[in-house]
Amino acid sequence: MPLFVPKEKSKELIEFLKNNPLLKDLTKKEINELEMITHLREYKNDEVIIQSKEPTLAIYIMKRGNAFVVMGSVEGKGEIIEKIEEGEIFGEMALFENEPCSVHIIADGDVQVLGIFKYDFDALIHRNKELGIKLLYNIAKLLSSRLMRIDTKLYKNSASTNQT
């Protein structure tokens, strides 16, 4: 259950948001508009943030702490395939696909995440198309960067497997 960010923390939130790559090149007015649809959630260590095989309803930004991307079971049998660190986005596929998530996202210690629900994001894009284009462009750049990082990791793993 998402909690609205208390207004006394709004300045801190806006400062955090304006330094995030997702919001690169946004005006102060656009950041304020985005802040209005942003929800804060807190998770404890080992708590599931996103459950595999369930639909993801929001895009998230890791505000504080870290989380693991886990393939397989969450009961200690899964494989950690990636770590999400402060400032990184995750769950972005919820904006584009109506498919269940293929991995678990598990809190590594106490974490705070900012969430923007798909229906709020869609409404924002319809209200402010210029802001929508900027956000979608930034998401595409972040996804491209993530894909290159994964490609490099796969290549290194493949090369080390072939040498043995």
Protein backbone atom coordinates (compact mmCIF):
# COMPACT_ATOMS: atom_id res chain seq x y z
CA MET A 1 0.00 0.00 0.00
CA PRO A 2 1.78 3.11 -1.22
CA LEU A 3 2.05 6.07 1.06
CA PHE A 4 1.92 9.60 -0.24
CA VAL A 5 5.09 11.53 0.41
CA PRO A 6 4.43 13.95 3.27
CA LYS A 7 4.56 17.56 2.10
CA GLU A 8 7.31 18.49 4.59
CA LYS A 9 9.57 16.10 2.68
CA SER A 10 8.61 17.49 -0.71
CA LYS A 11 11.72 19.68 -1.05
CA GLU A 12 13.97 16.70 -0.27
CA LEU A 13 12.05 14.56 -2.76
CA ILE A 14 12.24 17.18 -5.51
CA GLU A 15 16.00 17.52 -4.92
CA PHE A 16 16.37 13.74 -5.22
CA LEU A 17 14.21 13.60 -8.34
CA LYS A 18 15.96 16.40 -10.19
CA ASN A 19 19.29 14.57 -9.83
CA ASN A 20 17.92 11.28 -11.18
CA PRO A 21 18.73 10.27 -14.80
CA LEU A 22 15.06 9.42 -15.37
CA LEU A 23 14.27 13.11 -15.00
CA LYS A 24 17.20 14.51 -16.98
CA ASP A 25 16.38 17.77 -18.79
CA LEU A 26 13.05 18.25 -17.01
CA THR A 27 12.06 21.74 -15.90
CA LYS A 28 11.29 22.53 -12.27
CA LYS A 29 7.59 22.72 -13.18
CA GLU A 30 7.73 19.27 -14.83
CA ILE A 31 9.52 17.77 -11.80
CA ASN A 32 6.85 19.27 -9.53
CA GLU A 33 4.15 17.75 -11.74
CA LEU A 34 5.82 14.35 -11.53
CA GLU A 35 6.26 14.67 -7.77
CA MET A 36 2.48 14.95 -7.44
CA ILE A 37 1.99 11.38 -8.73
CA THR A 38 4.96 9.85 -6.90
CA HIS A 39 4.32 7.48 -4.00
CA LEU A 40 6.79 6.46 -1.30
CA ARG A 41 6.95 2.89 -0.04
CA GLU A 42 9.20 1.38 2.58
CA TYR A 43 10.35 -2.23 2.74
CA LYS A 44 12.25 -4.19 5.36
CA ASN A 45 15.18 -6.55 4.74
CA ASP A 46 14.25 -9.54 2.53
CA GLU A 47 10.78 -8.15 1.84
CA VAL A 48 9.50 -8.72 -1.70
CA ILE A 49 9.11 -5.45 -3.61
CA ILE A 50 8.06 -7.07 -6.89
CA GLN A 51 6.82 -10.65 -7.05
CA SER A 52 7.74 -12.85 -10.00
CA LYS A 53 4.84 -14.02 -12.17
CA GLU A 54 2.65 -11.14 -10.98
CA PRO A 55 1.89 -7.97 -12.91
CA THR A 56 4.03 -4.97 -12.08
CA LEU A 57 1.85 -1.91 -11.68
CA ALA A 58 4.47 0.83 -11.42
CA ILE A 59 7.90 2.06 -12.34
CA TYR A 60 10.12 2.47 -9.27
CA ILE A 61 13.13 4.53 -8.32
CA MET A 62 15.33 3.25 -5.48
CA LYS A 63 15.38 6.23 -3.12
CA ARG A 64 17.33 4.69 -0.27
CA GLY A 65 19.06 1.35 0.04
CA ASN A 66 19.55 -1.55 -2.35
CA ALA A 67 17.63 -4.53 -3.66
CA PHE A 68 18.44 -7.77 -5.42
CA VAL A 69 17.00 -8.99 -8.70
CA VAL A 70 16.39 -12.70 -8.08
CA MET A 71 15.57 -15.36 -10.68
CA GLY A 72 13.78 -18.41 -9.30
CA SER A 73 12.51 -18.95 -5.76
CA VAL A 74 12.69 -16.27 -3.08
CA GLU A 75 13.13 -18.86 -0.33
CA GLY A 76 16.91 -19.00 -0.68
CA LYS A 77 16.92 -21.07 -3.86
CA GLY A 78 16.91 -18.19 -6.32
CA GLU A 79 19.90 -16.80 -8.14
CA ILE A 80 20.84 -13.16 -7.65
CA ILE A 81 21.37 -11.81 -11.15
CA GLU A 82 21.64 -8.09 -10.49
CA LYS A 83 21.74 -5.52 -7.71
CA ILE A 84 19.60 -2.37 -7.78
CA GLU A 85 21.29 0.56 -6.10
CA GLU A 86 20.15 3.95 -4.89
CA GLY A 87 18.86 6.13 -7.73
CA GLU A 88 18.30 3.27 -10.18
CA ILE A 89 14.94 2.57 -11.81
CA PHE A 90 13.21 -0.80 -12.01
CA GLY A 91 9.80 -2.16 -12.92
CA GLU A 92 9.75 0.05 -16.01
CA MET A 93 8.33 -2.75 -18.15
CA ALA A 94 5.00 -2.11 -16.37
CA LEU A 95 4.69 1.05 -18.47
CA PHE A 96 4.96 -0.87 -21.74
CA GLU A 97 3.81 -4.45 -21.18
CA ASN A 98 0.84 -5.95 -19.42
CA GLU A 99 2.81 -9.08 -18.60
CA PRO A 100 3.89 -10.61 -15.30
CA CYS A 101 7.36 -9.80 -14.04
CA SER A 102 9.95 -12.52 -14.76
CA VAL A 103 12.03 -11.89 -11.60
CA HIS A 104 11.63 -11.07 -7.92
CA ILE A 105 12.91 -7.77 -6.53
CA ILE A 106 13.95 -8.30 -2.90
CA ALA A 107 14.96 -5.59 -0.41
CA ASP A 108 18.58 -5.80 0.78
CA GLY A 109 18.14 -4.12 4.15
CA ASP A 110 15.64 -1.35 4.82
CA VAL A 111 14.78 0.47 1.61
CA GLN A 112 12.62 3.29 0.35
CA VAL A 113 11.29 3.27 -3.19
CA LEU A 114 9.39 5.87 -5.13
CA GLY A 115 6.66 4.49 -7.34
CA ILE A 116 4.74 5.97 -10.21
CA PHE A 117 1.73 3.87 -11.11
CA LYS A 118 1.08 3.13 -14.78
CA TYR A 119 -2.36 4.76 -14.78
CA ASP A 120 -0.89 7.96 -13.26
CA PHE A 121 1.98 7.88 -15.77
CA ASP A 122 -0.44 7.41 -18.69
CA ALA A 123 -2.66 10.26 -17.46
CA LEU A 124 0.40 12.50 -17.11
CA ILE A 125 1.47 11.75 -20.69
CA HIS A 126 -2.00 12.59 -21.99
CA ARG A 127 -2.04 15.85 -20.00
CA ASN A 128 1.50 16.90 -20.90
CA LYS A 129 2.79 15.29 -24.09
CA GLU A 130 6.10 17.18 -24.04
CA LEU A 131 6.86 15.86 -20.54
CA GLY A 132 5.80 12.37 -21.66
CA ILE A 133 8.24 12.46 -24.58
CA LYS A 134 11.09 13.53 -22.29
CA LEU A 135 10.32 10.77 -19.78
CA LEU A 136 9.97 8.06 -22.43
CA TYR A 137 13.22 9.19 -24.07
CA ASN A 138 15.03 9.02 -20.72
CA ILE A 139 13.58 5.57 -20.00
CA ALA A 140 14.75 4.39 -23.44
CA LYS A 141 18.27 5.66 -22.71
CA LEU A 142 18.33 3.93 -19.32
CA LEU A 143 17.06 0.67 -20.85
CA SER A 144 19.66 0.89 -23.62
CA SER A 145 22.41 1.38 -21.06
CA ARG A 146 21.12 -1.56 -19.01
CA LEU A 147 20.99 -3.76 -22.12
CA MET A 148 24.60 -2.90 -23.00
CA ARG A 149 25.67 -3.74 -19.43
CA ILE A 150 23.87 -7.10 -19.60
CA ASP A 151 25.35 -7.84 -23.04
CA THR A 152 28.84 -7.17 -21.67
CA LYS A 153 28.18 -9.41 -18.67
CA LEU A 154 26.88 -12.22 -20.91
CA TYR A 155 29.87 -11.88 -23.23
CA LYS A 156 32.32 -12.09 -20.32
CA ASN A 157 30.49 -15.12 -18.88
CA SER A 158 30.47 -16.79 -22.29
CA ALA A 159 34.16 -16.06 -22.85
CA SER A 160 35.15 -17.46 -19.44
CA THR A 161 33.01 -20.58 -20.03
CA ASN A 162 34.64 -21.18 -23.42
CA GLN A 163 38.14 -20.93 -21.91
CA THR A 164 37.56 -23.76 -19.46
